[in-house]
Amino acid sequence: MPVERVDPELVEFDVRTDEMLINMGPQHPSTHGVLRLVLRTDGEVVSSAAPHIGYLHRCAEKIGENVSPRQWIPYTDRMDYLAGMNMNLGWAMTVEKLMDLEVSEKTRHLRVIVCELNRIASHLVAAGTYGLDLGSFTPFLYCFREREKILNLFEAVCGARLTYSYIAPGGLIADLPPGWLEACERCLGELQAVVPELHAMLTSNEIFIRRTAGVGVLSPEMAIDYGCSGPVLRGSGVKWDLRRDGQPPVARMYEDYRFEVIAQVDGSYPRDQEYPPVPPEAVVGDCWHRFYVRMLEVVQSIGLVRQAIEHYRRSAGPVSEPIKITQKLPRGEAYLETEAPKGQMGFLVVGDGTAIPWRVRARSSCFCNLSVLTEISRGCLLADIPAILGSLDIVLGEIDR
């Protein structure tokens, strides 16, 4: 029986769409942890993205009020567990500020070495998993291969590969083993050779540019209003870095070092070597720029580690030893923020004359960076959400604590 054909011009449709709520997470791989996003969509267009946190809350601050500062170091490792050295440093320097302690020059330079190595490792995870979020598997393998070399160095110096407890209030738990500096220099040379390959696979990749350029634009004013920091803030063109602009204990730690604060100011990035140019589709503050800042910061950190190795070799004497577990804290309070890989990580400690702090508080950089997600996701496509969230480089251990 022949099928009767209908003239399409005579057919009228009454198309109506309703808003839909979509749960993304808390087990979704692109949420980078146990984060739940409630997306309100009209078709493929996202009108709202509301983060729901708390799935990884472990009462870390309350625990800090029941143990000594030395005993709380392992809990800081588990905040940003991709940058345990930097978490250790923030807490150690805060307690030292309260106790008015000064560490030796050798200790200061060794802290710079391990913290900048951990910054590189953190940025490599951010770059590799970001490529994975957008459908590219090879950069993930390259990044994690180089990160393993840094973790091998950390294992040699403190016996751990993820949660280190190496930097403690008052000093370090141990000095470097023989041959460690030479192994570190070889690692830096190998890493420097891989950076151009990562740029070729992601930064200059046409598909990657189309997925990230002009997406999730965060203006400098909005970034400052929401308290964003780190590469998220610098990706919006704000040249602010606590290693240069922080309180005296933090800025003094880097006073002998030369490095550039990576941010696009007046249409260009600071450059000491050739990098891929900014594509014309990219807008300052978008996902591409946040990724680009991290890639350029890897090269700056390589330079900082090399400088720190030379400073360390010229420093005489032993490294400073940590305070004792039973060391009493003076009455008073101290608050300090350090430049962690994901932004400004702050710690507050209040002492009452005993060995146990009366109050402990942590200020999460990722919490503020995540808070801007709703604003920069409004009006984007559903497929852009992983790109925007991945560009913020959050870790839930730090947000929930």
Foldseek 3Di string as FASTA:
>chain_A
DDDDDDDVVVDDDDDDWDKDWDWADCVHVLLQHRKIWTFIDTVFWTAFTDIDFQPQFDCLFVVLQVFFQLVSLLLQCLQPLLQSLVSQVQSQVQLCVLVVADWALLQLLVSLQLNLLSLLLLLLCLLQVLCVLLPHNVSVVVSVVLSVLSLVLLCQAANGRGRGSARGRFWGAFDHDPPSVVSVVVSLVVVVVCLVVSCVVALPDPSNCVLWAPALADALVNCVVLVAFALLNQLNQDQDACCCVNDVVNVVSCVVDDFGRFHQDPRDTDDPDDDDDDDPRHDRRILSSSSVNSSVSSVRSSRSSVVSVVSSVPGDDDTTHHDDRFDAGDADKGKGWHQHSLGTKMWIFGGDGGSRTNGIDIDANLQSLVVCLGVSSRGPGNSSSSSNSSSSSHHSSNVND
